[in-house]
PDB file of N, CA and C in Angstrom:
ATOM      1  N   UNK A   1      98.553  19.928  12.231  1.00  0.00           N
ATOM      2  CA  UNK A   1      98.357  18.689  12.931  1.00  0.00           C
ATOM      3  C   UNK A   1      98.961  18.762  14.339  1.00  0.00           C
ATOM      4  N   UNK A   2     100.127  19.400  14.442  1.00  0.00           N
ATOM      5  CA  UNK A   2     100.789  19.512  15.733  1.00  0.00           C
ATOM      6  C   UNK A   2      99.902  20.287  16.720  1.00  0.00           C
ATOM      7  N   UNK A   3      99.282  21.378  16.282  1.00  0.00           N
ATOM      8  CA  UNK A   3      98.419  22.175  17.150  1.00  0.00           C
ATOM      9  C   UNK A   3      97.204  21.387  17.627  1.00  0.00           C
ATOM     10  N   UNK A   4      96.636  20.597  16.760  1.00  0.00           N
ATOM     11  CA  UNK A   4      95.479  19.782  17.127  1.00  0.00           C
ATOM     12  C   UNK A   4      95.852  18.729  18.169  1.00  0.00           C
ATOM     13  N   UNK A   5      96.984  18.099  17.992  1.00  0.00           N
ATOM     14  CA  UNK A   5      97.446  17.119  18.969  1.00  0.00           C
ATOM     15  C   UNK A   5      97.844  17.785  20.283  1.00  0.00           C
ATOM     16  N   UNK A   6      98.486  18.941  20.211  1.00  0.00           N
ATOM     17  CA  UNK A   6      98.905  19.663  21.405  1.00  0.00           C
ATOM     18  C   UNK A   6      97.686  20.079  22.229  1.00  0.00           C
ATOM     19  N   UNK A   7      96.603  20.459  21.560  1.00  0.00           N
ATOM     20  CA  UNK A   7      95.389  20.895  22.253  1.00  0.00           C
ATOM     21  C   UNK A   7      94.451  19.731  22.561  1.00  0.00           C
ATOM     22  N   UNK A   8      94.929  18.503  22.391  1.00  0.00           N
ATOM     23  CA  UNK A   8      94.164  17.285  22.698  1.00  0.00           C
ATOM     24  C   UNK A   8      92.849  17.265  21.924  1.00  0.00           C
ATOM     25  N   UNK A   9      92.932  17.526  20.648  1.00  0.00           N
ATOM     26  CA  UNK A   9      91.794  17.533  19.724  1.00  0.00           C
ATOM     27  C   UNK A   9      90.706  18.535  20.144  1.00  0.00           C
ATOM     28  N   UNK A  10      91.069  19.490  20.971  1.00  0.00           N
ATOM     29  CA  UNK A  10      90.181  20.561  21.447  1.00  0.00           C
ATOM     30  C   UNK A  10      88.912  20.020  22.125  1.00  0.00           C
ATOM     31  N   UNK A  11      89.028  18.871  22.737  1.00  0.00           N
ATOM     32  CA  UNK A  11      87.904  18.251  23.438  1.00  0.00           C
ATOM     33  C   UNK A  11      87.462  19.122  24.614  1.00  0.00           C
ATOM     34  N   UNK A  12      88.401  19.681  25.340  1.00  0.00           N
ATOM     35  CA  UNK A  12      88.052  20.523  26.490  1.00  0.00           C
ATOM     36  C   UNK A  12      87.245  21.748  26.059  1.00  0.00           C
ATOM     37  N   UNK A  13      87.651  22.371  24.957  1.00  0.00           N
ATOM     38  CA  UNK A  13      86.933  23.550  24.476  1.00  0.00           C
ATOM     39  C   UNK A  13      85.515  23.189  24.019  1.00  0.00           C
ATOM     40  N   UNK A  14      85.383  22.072  23.335  1.00  0.00           N
ATOM     41  CA  UNK A  14      84.060  21.637  22.880  1.00  0.00           C
ATOM     42  C   UNK A  14      83.173  21.294  24.071  1.00  0.00           C
ATOM     43  N   UNK A  15      83.738  20.595  25.039  1.00  0.00           N
ATOM     44  CA  UNK A  15      82.970  20.234  26.245  1.00  0.00           C
ATOM     45  C   UNK A  15      82.508  21.480  26.992  1.00  0.00           C
ATOM     46  N   UNK A  16      83.413  22.452  27.123  1.00  0.00           N
ATOM     47  CA  UNK A  16      83.069  23.700  27.806  1.00  0.00           C
ATOM     48  C   UNK A  16      81.959  24.439  27.061  1.00  0.00           C
ATOM     49  N   UNK A  17      82.043  24.467  25.728  1.00  0.00           N
ATOM     50  CA  UNK A  17      81.040  25.186  24.937  1.00  0.00           C
ATOM     51  C   UNK A  17      79.687  24.477  24.951  1.00  0.00           C
ATOM     52  N   UNK A  18      79.690  23.145  24.936  1.00  0.00           N
ATOM     53  CA  UNK A  18      78.432  22.412  24.848  1.00  0.00           C
ATOM     54  C   UNK A  18      77.751  22.189  26.195  1.00  0.00           C
ATOM     55  N   UNK A  19      78.529  22.052  27.260  1.00  0.00           N
ATOM     56  CA  UNK A  19      77.939  21.670  28.544  1.00  0.00           C
ATOM     57  C   UNK A  19      78.135  22.700  29.653  1.00  0.00           C
ATOM     58  N   UNK A  20      79.351  23.147  29.843  1.00  0.00           N
ATOM     59  CA  UNK A  20      79.652  24.011  30.991  1.00  0.00           C
ATOM     60  C   UNK A  20      78.994  25.382  30.861  1.00  0.00           C
ATOM     61  N   UNK A  21      79.180  26.050  29.735  1.00  0.00           N
ATOM     62  CA  UNK A  21      78.601  27.392  29.575  1.00  0.00           C
ATOM     63  C   UNK A  21      77.078  27.405  29.660  1.00  0.00           C
ATOM     64  N   UNK A  22      76.359  26.487  28.973  1.00  0.00           N
ATOM     65  CA  UNK A  22      74.894  26.481  29.128  1.00  0.00           C
ATOM     66  C   UNK A  22      74.452  26.184  30.562  1.00  0.00           C
ATOM     67  N   UNK A  23      75.178  25.302  31.224  1.00  0.00           N
ATOM     68  CA  UNK A  23      74.840  24.995  32.615  1.00  0.00           C
ATOM     69  C   UNK A  23      75.018  26.223  33.511  1.00  0.00           C
ATOM     70  N   UNK A  24      76.092  26.962  33.311  1.00  0.00           N
ATOM     71  CA  UNK A  24      76.314  28.178  34.099  1.00  0.00           C
ATOM     72  C   UNK A  24      75.248  29.236  33.798  1.00  0.00           C
ATOM     73  N   UNK A  25      74.881  29.388  32.525  1.00  0.00           N
ATOM     74  CA  UNK A  25      73.834  30.359  32.182  1.00  0.00           C
ATOM     75  C   UNK A  25      72.500  29.963  32.803  1.00  0.00           C
ATOM     76  N   UNK A  26      72.169  28.685  32.757  1.00  0.00           N
ATOM     77  CA  UNK A  26      70.925  28.215  33.374  1.00  0.00           C
ATOM     78  C   UNK A  26      70.932  28.406  34.881  1.00  0.00           C
ATOM     79  N   UNK A  27      72.088  28.178  35.481  1.00  0.00           N
ATOM     80  CA  UNK A  27      72.201  28.366  36.934  1.00  0.00           C
ATOM     81  C   UNK A  27      71.981  29.820  37.313  1.00  0.00           C
ATOM     82  N   UNK A  28      72.558  30.718  36.555  1.00  0.00           N
ATOM     83  CA  UNK A  28      72.366  32.150  36.840  1.00  0.00           C
ATOM     84  C   UNK A  28      70.915  32.561  36.648  1.00  0.00           C
ATOM     85  N   UNK A  29      70.259  31.979  35.651  1.00  0.00           N
ATOM     86  CA  UNK A  29      68.855  32.313  35.398  1.00  0.00           C
ATOM     87  C   UNK A  29      67.966  31.820  36.541  1.00  0.00           C
ATOM     88  N   UNK A  30      68.253  30.654  37.092  1.00  0.00           N
ATOM     89  CA  UNK A  30      67.423  30.099  38.163  1.00  0.00           C
ATOM     90  C   UNK A  30      67.763  30.653  39.541  1.00  0.00           C
ATOM     91  N   UNK A  31      68.869  31.363  39.654  1.00  0.00           N
ATOM     92  CA  UNK A  31      69.271  31.910  40.944  1.00  0.00           C
ATOM     93  C   UNK A  31      68.224  32.894  41.478  1.00  0.00           C
ATOM     94  N   UNK A  32      67.697  33.752  40.625  1.00  0.00           N
ATOM     95  CA  UNK A  32      66.675  34.708  41.046  1.00  0.00           C
ATOM     96  C   UNK A  32      65.406  34.017  41.497  1.00  0.00           C
ATOM     97  N   UNK A  33      65.002  32.976  40.783  1.00  0.00           N
ATOM     98  CA  UNK A  33      63.824  32.209  41.177  1.00  0.00           C
ATOM     99  C   UNK A  33      64.033  31.581  42.544  1.00  0.00           C
ATOM    100  N   UNK A  34      65.213  31.046  42.768  1.00  0.00           N
ATOM    101  CA  UNK A  34      65.519  30.433  44.056  1.00  0.00           C
ATOM    102  C   UNK A  34      65.482  31.474  45.181  1.00  0.00           C
ATOM    103  N   UNK A  35      66.047  32.625  44.928  1.00  0.00           N
ATOM    104  CA  UNK A  35      66.089  33.662  45.958  1.00  0.00           C
ATOM    105  C   UNK A  35      64.701  34.181  46.298  1.00  0.00           C
ATOM    106  N   UNK A  36      63.885  34.409  45.290  1.00  0.00           N
ATOM    107  CA  UNK A  36      62.574  35.007  45.517  1.00  0.00           C
ATOM    108  C   UNK A  36      61.521  33.987  45.949  1.00  0.00           C
ATOM    109  N   UNK A  37      61.412  32.891  45.248  1.00  0.00           N
ATOM    110  CA  UNK A  37      60.317  31.952  45.491  1.00  0.00           C
ATOM    111  C   UNK A  37      60.651  30.937  46.591  1.00  0.00           C
ATOM    112  N   UNK A  38      61.733  30.233  46.440  1.00  0.00           N
ATOM    113  CA  UNK A  38      62.062  29.157  47.371  1.00  0.00           C
ATOM    114  C   UNK A  38      62.443  29.732  48.726  1.00  0.00           C
ATOM    115  N   UNK A  39      63.418  30.639  48.738  1.00  0.00           N
ATOM    116  CA  UNK A  39      63.827  31.238  50.009  1.00  0.00           C
ATOM    117  C   UNK A  39      62.706  32.073  50.610  1.00  0.00           C
ATOM    118  N   UNK A  40      61.912  32.708  49.759  1.00  0.00           N
ATOM    119  CA  UNK A  40      60.780  33.483  50.257  1.00  0.00           C
ATOM    120  C   UNK A  40      59.758  32.608  50.960  1.00  0.00           C
ATOM    121  N   UNK A  41      59.495  31.426  50.406  1.00  0.00           N
ATOM    122  CA  UNK A  41      58.540  30.512  51.041  1.00  0.00           C
ATOM    123  C   UNK A  41      59.073  29.996  52.374  1.00  0.00           C
ATOM    124  N   UNK A  42      60.353  29.696  52.418  1.00  0.00           N
ATOM    125  CA  UNK A  42      60.953  29.216  53.665  1.00  0.00           C
ATOM    126  C   UNK A  42      60.916  30.312  54.726  1.00  0.00           C
ATOM    127  N   UNK A  43      61.265  31.519  54.346  1.00  0.00           N
ATOM    128  CA  UNK A  43      61.231  32.635  55.293  1.00  0.00           C
ATOM    129  C   UNK A  43      59.809  32.936  55.748  1.00  0.00           C
ATOM    130  N   UNK A  44      58.844  32.833  54.840  1.00  0.00           N
ATOM    131  CA  UNK A  44      57.447  33.076  55.207  1.00  0.00           C
ATOM    132  C   UNK A  44      56.946  32.025  56.190  1.00  0.00           C
ATOM    133  N   UNK A  45      57.358  30.772  56.021  1.00  0.00           N
ATOM    134  CA  UNK A  45      56.935  29.748  56.981  1.00  0.00           C
ATOM    135  C   UNK A  45      57.538  30.011  58.353  1.00  0.00           C
ATOM    136  N   UNK A  46      58.752  30.529  58.395  1.00  0.00           N
ATOM    137  CA  UNK A  46      59.358  30.892  59.672  1.00  0.00           C
ATOM    138  C   UNK A  46      58.616  32.032  60.353  1.00  0.00           C
ATOM    139  N   UNK A  47      58.228  33.020  59.574  1.00  0.00           N
ATOM    140  CA  UNK A  47      57.461  34.142  60.131  1.00  0.00           C
ATOM    141  C   UNK A  47      56.097  33.655  60.602  1.00  0.00           C
ATOM    142  N   UNK A  48      55.480  32.742  59.847  1.00  0.00           N
ATOM    143  CA  UNK A  48      54.183  32.188  60.249  1.00  0.00           C
ATOM    144  C   UNK A  48      54.276  31.415  61.557  1.00  0.00           C
ATOM    145  N   UNK A  49      55.334  30.638  61.720  1.00  0.00           N
ATOM    146  CA  UNK A  49      55.523  29.894  62.965  1.00  0.00           C
ATOM    147  C   UNK A  49      55.755  30.842  64.141  1.00  0.00           C
ATOM    148  N   UNK A  50      56.502  31.890  63.898  1.00  0.00           N
ATOM    149  CA  UNK A  50      56.748  32.873  64.954  1.00  0.00           C
ATOM    150  C   UNK A  50      55.448  33.574  65.333  1.00  0.00           C
ATOM    151  N   UNK A  51      54.632  33.937  64.375  1.00  0.00           N
ATOM    152  CA  UNK A  51      53.350  34.584  64.645  1.00  0.00           C
ATOM    153  C   UNK A  51      52.419  33.648  65.404  1.00  0.00           C
ATOM    154  N   UNK A  52      52.398  32.366  65.010  1.00  0.00           N
ATOM    155  CA  UNK A  52      51.572  31.390  65.728  1.00  0.00           C
ATOM    156  C   UNK A  52      52.026  31.262  67.183  1.00  0.00           C
ATOM    157  N   UNK A  53      53.317  31.340  67.417  1.00  0.00           N
ATOM    158  CA  UNK A  53      53.830  31.294  68.784  1.00  0.00           C
ATOM    159  C   UNK A  53      53.417  32.503  69.599  1.00  0.00           C
ATOM    160  N   UNK A  54      53.427  33.667  68.969  1.00  0.00           N
ATOM    161  CA  UNK A  54      53.006  34.888  69.671  1.00  0.00           C
ATOM    162  C   UNK A  54      51.530  34.794  70.037  1.00  0.00           C
ATOM    163  N   UNK A  55      50.722  34.297  69.113  1.00  0.00           N
ATOM    164  CA  UNK A  55      49.287  34.168  69.380  1.00  0.00           C
ATOM    165  C   UNK A  55      49.029  33.112  70.451  1.00  0.00           C
ATOM    166  N   UNK A  56      49.700  31.964  70.354  1.00  0.00           N
ATOM    167  CA  UNK A  56      49.492  30.896  71.332  1.00  0.00           C
ATOM    168  C   UNK A  56      49.942  31.314  72.726  1.00  0.00           C
ATOM    169  N   UNK A  57      50.942  32.164  72.789  1.00  0.00           N
ATOM    170  CA  UNK A  57      51.436  32.629  74.086  1.00  0.00           C
ATOM    171  C   UNK A  57      50.357  33.392  74.859  1.00  0.00           C
ATOM    172  N   UNK A  58      49.470  34.057  74.145  1.00  0.00           N
ATOM    173  CA  UNK A  58      48.395  34.819  74.791  1.00  0.00           C
ATOM    174  C   UNK A  58      47.422  33.909  75.543  1.00  0.00           C
ATOM    175  N   UNK A  59      47.252  32.681  75.059  1.00  0.00           N
ATOM    176  CA  UNK A  59      46.279  31.762  75.655  1.00  0.00           C
ATOM    177  C   UNK A  59      46.881  30.885  76.749  1.00  0.00           C
ATOM    178  N   UNK A  60      48.170  30.981  76.969  1.00  0.00           N
ATOM    179  CA  UNK A  60      48.812  30.139  77.970  1.00  0.00           C
ATOM    180  C   UNK A  60      49.192  30.979  79.185  1.00  0.00           C
ATOM    181  N   UNK A  61      48.581  30.621  80.309  1.00  0.00           N
ATOM    182  CA  UNK A  61      48.865  31.370  81.533  1.00  0.00           C
ATOM    183  C   UNK A  61      49.617  30.522  82.550  1.00  0.00           C
ATOM    184  N   UNK A  62      49.508  29.200  82.436  1.00  0.00           N
ATOM    185  CA  UNK A  62      50.148  28.319  83.399  1.00  0.00           C
ATOM    186  C   UNK A  62      49.222  27.937  84.538  1.00  0.00           C
ATOM    187  N   UNK A  63      48.039  28.522  84.596  1.00  0.00           N
ATOM    188  CA  UNK A  63      47.073  28.209  85.652  1.00  0.00           C
ATOM    189  C   UNK A  63      46.118  27.130  85.163  1.00  0.00           C
ATOM    190  N   UNK A  64      46.038  26.036  85.914  1.00  0.00           N
ATOM    191  CA  UNK A  64      45.187  24.918  85.524  1.00  0.00           C
ATOM    192  C   UNK A  64      43.724  25.335  85.538  1.00  0.00           C
ATOM    193  N   UNK A  65      43.351  26.235  86.439  1.00  0.00           N
ATOM    194  CA  UNK A  65      41.967  26.702  86.490  1.00  0.00           C
ATOM    195  C   UNK A  65      41.542  27.339  85.173  1.00  0.00           C
ATOM    196  N   UNK A  66      42.426  28.121  84.587  1.00  0.00           N
ATOM    197  CA  UNK A  66      42.098  28.756  83.300  1.00  0.00           C
ATOM    198  C   UNK A  66      41.910  27.710  82.205  1.00  0.00           C
ATOM    199  N   UNK A  67      42.758  26.694  82.211  1.00  0.00           N
ATOM    200  CA  UNK A  67      42.638  25.639  81.205  1.00  0.00           C
ATOM    201  C   UNK A  67      41.342  24.860  81.403  1.00  0.00           C
ATOM    202  N   UNK A  68      40.973  24.568  82.638  1.00  0.00           N
ATOM    203  CA  UNK A  68      39.730  23.847  82.919  1.00  0.00           C
ATOM    204  C   UNK A  68      38.528  24.691  82.503  1.00  0.00           C
ATOM    205  N   UNK A  69      38.586  25.990  82.739  1.00  0.00           N
ATOM    206  CA  UNK A  69      37.500  26.868  82.322  1.00  0.00           C
ATOM    207  C   UNK A  69      37.375  26.889  80.801  1.00  0.00           C
ATOM    208  N   UNK A  70      38.498  26.959  80.099  1.00  0.00           N
ATOM    209  CA  UNK A  70      38.468  26.935  78.631  1.00  0.00           C
ATOM    210  C   UNK A  70      37.883  25.633  78.121  1.00  0.00           C
ATOM    211  N   UNK A  71      38.268  24.519  78.746  1.00  0.00           N
ATOM    212  CA  UNK A  71      37.731  23.222  78.366  1.00  0.00           C
ATOM    213  C   UNK A  71      36.223  23.178  78.581  1.00  0.00           C
ATOM    214  N   UNK A  72      35.766  23.662  79.744  1.00  0.00           N
ATOM    215  CA  UNK A  72      34.344  23.671  80.050  1.00  0.00           C
ATOM    216  C   UNK A  72      33.575  24.539  79.058  1.00  0.00           C
ATOM    217  N   UNK A  73      34.108  25.718  78.743  1.00  0.00           N
ATOM    218  CA  UNK A  73      33.443  26.584  77.771  1.00  0.00           C
ATOM    219  C   UNK A  73      33.378  25.922  76.396  1.00  0.00           C
ATOM    220  N   UNK A  74      34.405  25.186  76.030  1.00  0.00           N
ATOM    221  CA  UNK A  74      34.396  24.470  74.763  1.00  0.00           C
ATOM    222  C   UNK A  74      33.332  23.394  74.726  1.00  0.00           C
ATOM    223  N   UNK A  75      33.194  22.647  75.818  1.00  0.00           N
ATOM    224  CA  UNK A  75      32.169  21.603  75.895  1.00  0.00           C
ATOM    225  C   UNK A  75      30.783  22.227  75.828  1.00  0.00           C
ATOM    226  N   UNK A  76      30.566  23.321  76.554  1.00  0.00           N
ATOM    227  CA  UNK A  76      29.270  24.003  76.530  1.00  0.00           C
ATOM    228  C   UNK A  76      28.959  24.504  75.123  1.00  0.00           C
ATOM    229  N   UNK A  77      29.944  25.058  74.456  1.00  0.00           N
ATOM    230  CA  UNK A  77      29.732  25.550  73.091  1.00  0.00           C
ATOM    231  C   UNK A  77      29.370  24.403  72.152  1.00  0.00           C
ATOM    232  N   UNK A  78      30.066  23.278  72.251  1.00  0.00           N
ATOM    233  CA  UNK A  78      29.769  22.133  71.384  1.00  0.00           C
ATOM    234  C   UNK A  78      28.366  21.606  71.654  1.00  0.00           C
ATOM    235  N   UNK A  79      27.987  21.489  72.916  1.00  0.00           N
ATOM    236  CA  UNK A  79      26.639  21.018  73.252  1.00  0.00           C
ATOM    237  C   UNK A  79      25.581  21.983  72.726  1.00  0.00           C
ATOM    238  N   UNK A  80      25.822  23.263  72.902  1.00  0.00           N
ATOM    239  CA  UNK A  80      24.885  24.279  72.394  1.00  0.00           C
ATOM    240  C   UNK A  80      24.765  24.159  70.874  1.00  0.00           C
ATOM    241  N   UNK A  81      25.883  23.997  70.194  1.00  0.00           N
ATOM    242  CA  UNK A  81      25.870  23.872  68.717  1.00  0.00           C
ATOM    243  C   UNK A  81      25.079  22.647  68.288  1.00  0.00           C
ATOM    244  N   UNK A  82      25.259  21.536  68.978  1.00  0.00           N
ATOM    245  CA  UNK A  82      24.563  20.314  68.603  1.00  0.00           C
ATOM    246  C   UNK A  82      23.055  20.412  68.896  1.00  0.00           C
ATOM    247  N   UNK A  83      22.673  21.140  69.929  1.00  0.00           N
ATOM    248  CA  UNK A  83      21.260  21.288  70.264  1.00  0.00           C
ATOM    249  C   UNK A  83      20.563  22.255  69.294  1.00  0.00           C
ATOM    250  N   UNK A  84      21.225  23.300  68.889  1.00  0.00           N
ATOM    251  CA  UNK A  84      20.628  24.286  67.992  1.00  0.00           C
ATOM    252  C   UNK A  84      20.536  23.715  66.580  1.00  0.00           C
ATOM    253  N   UNK A  85      21.408  22.952  66.237  1.00  0.00           N
ATOM    254  CA  UNK A  85      21.471  22.384  64.877  1.00  0.00           C
ATOM    255  C   UNK A  85      20.405  21.381  64.742  1.00  0.00           C
TER     256      UNK A  85
END
């Protein structure tokens, strides 16, 4: 009886066995999923944004004439598409 009272009815040990250990095991199991899937998706979106920036940089010259020419070519293409269709 003295040992049971001294150990506070072993509530801490039961709590650790029922809740803490399974939670830690589940956390370790999901760690790999988090590293591969979640972090992988975040890193891939960063690489995609960087690639989009590299591609967009090719089309930007800073010259208004180039932008006006691109706009005009776009309008001509749309008109041509609507007439052929």
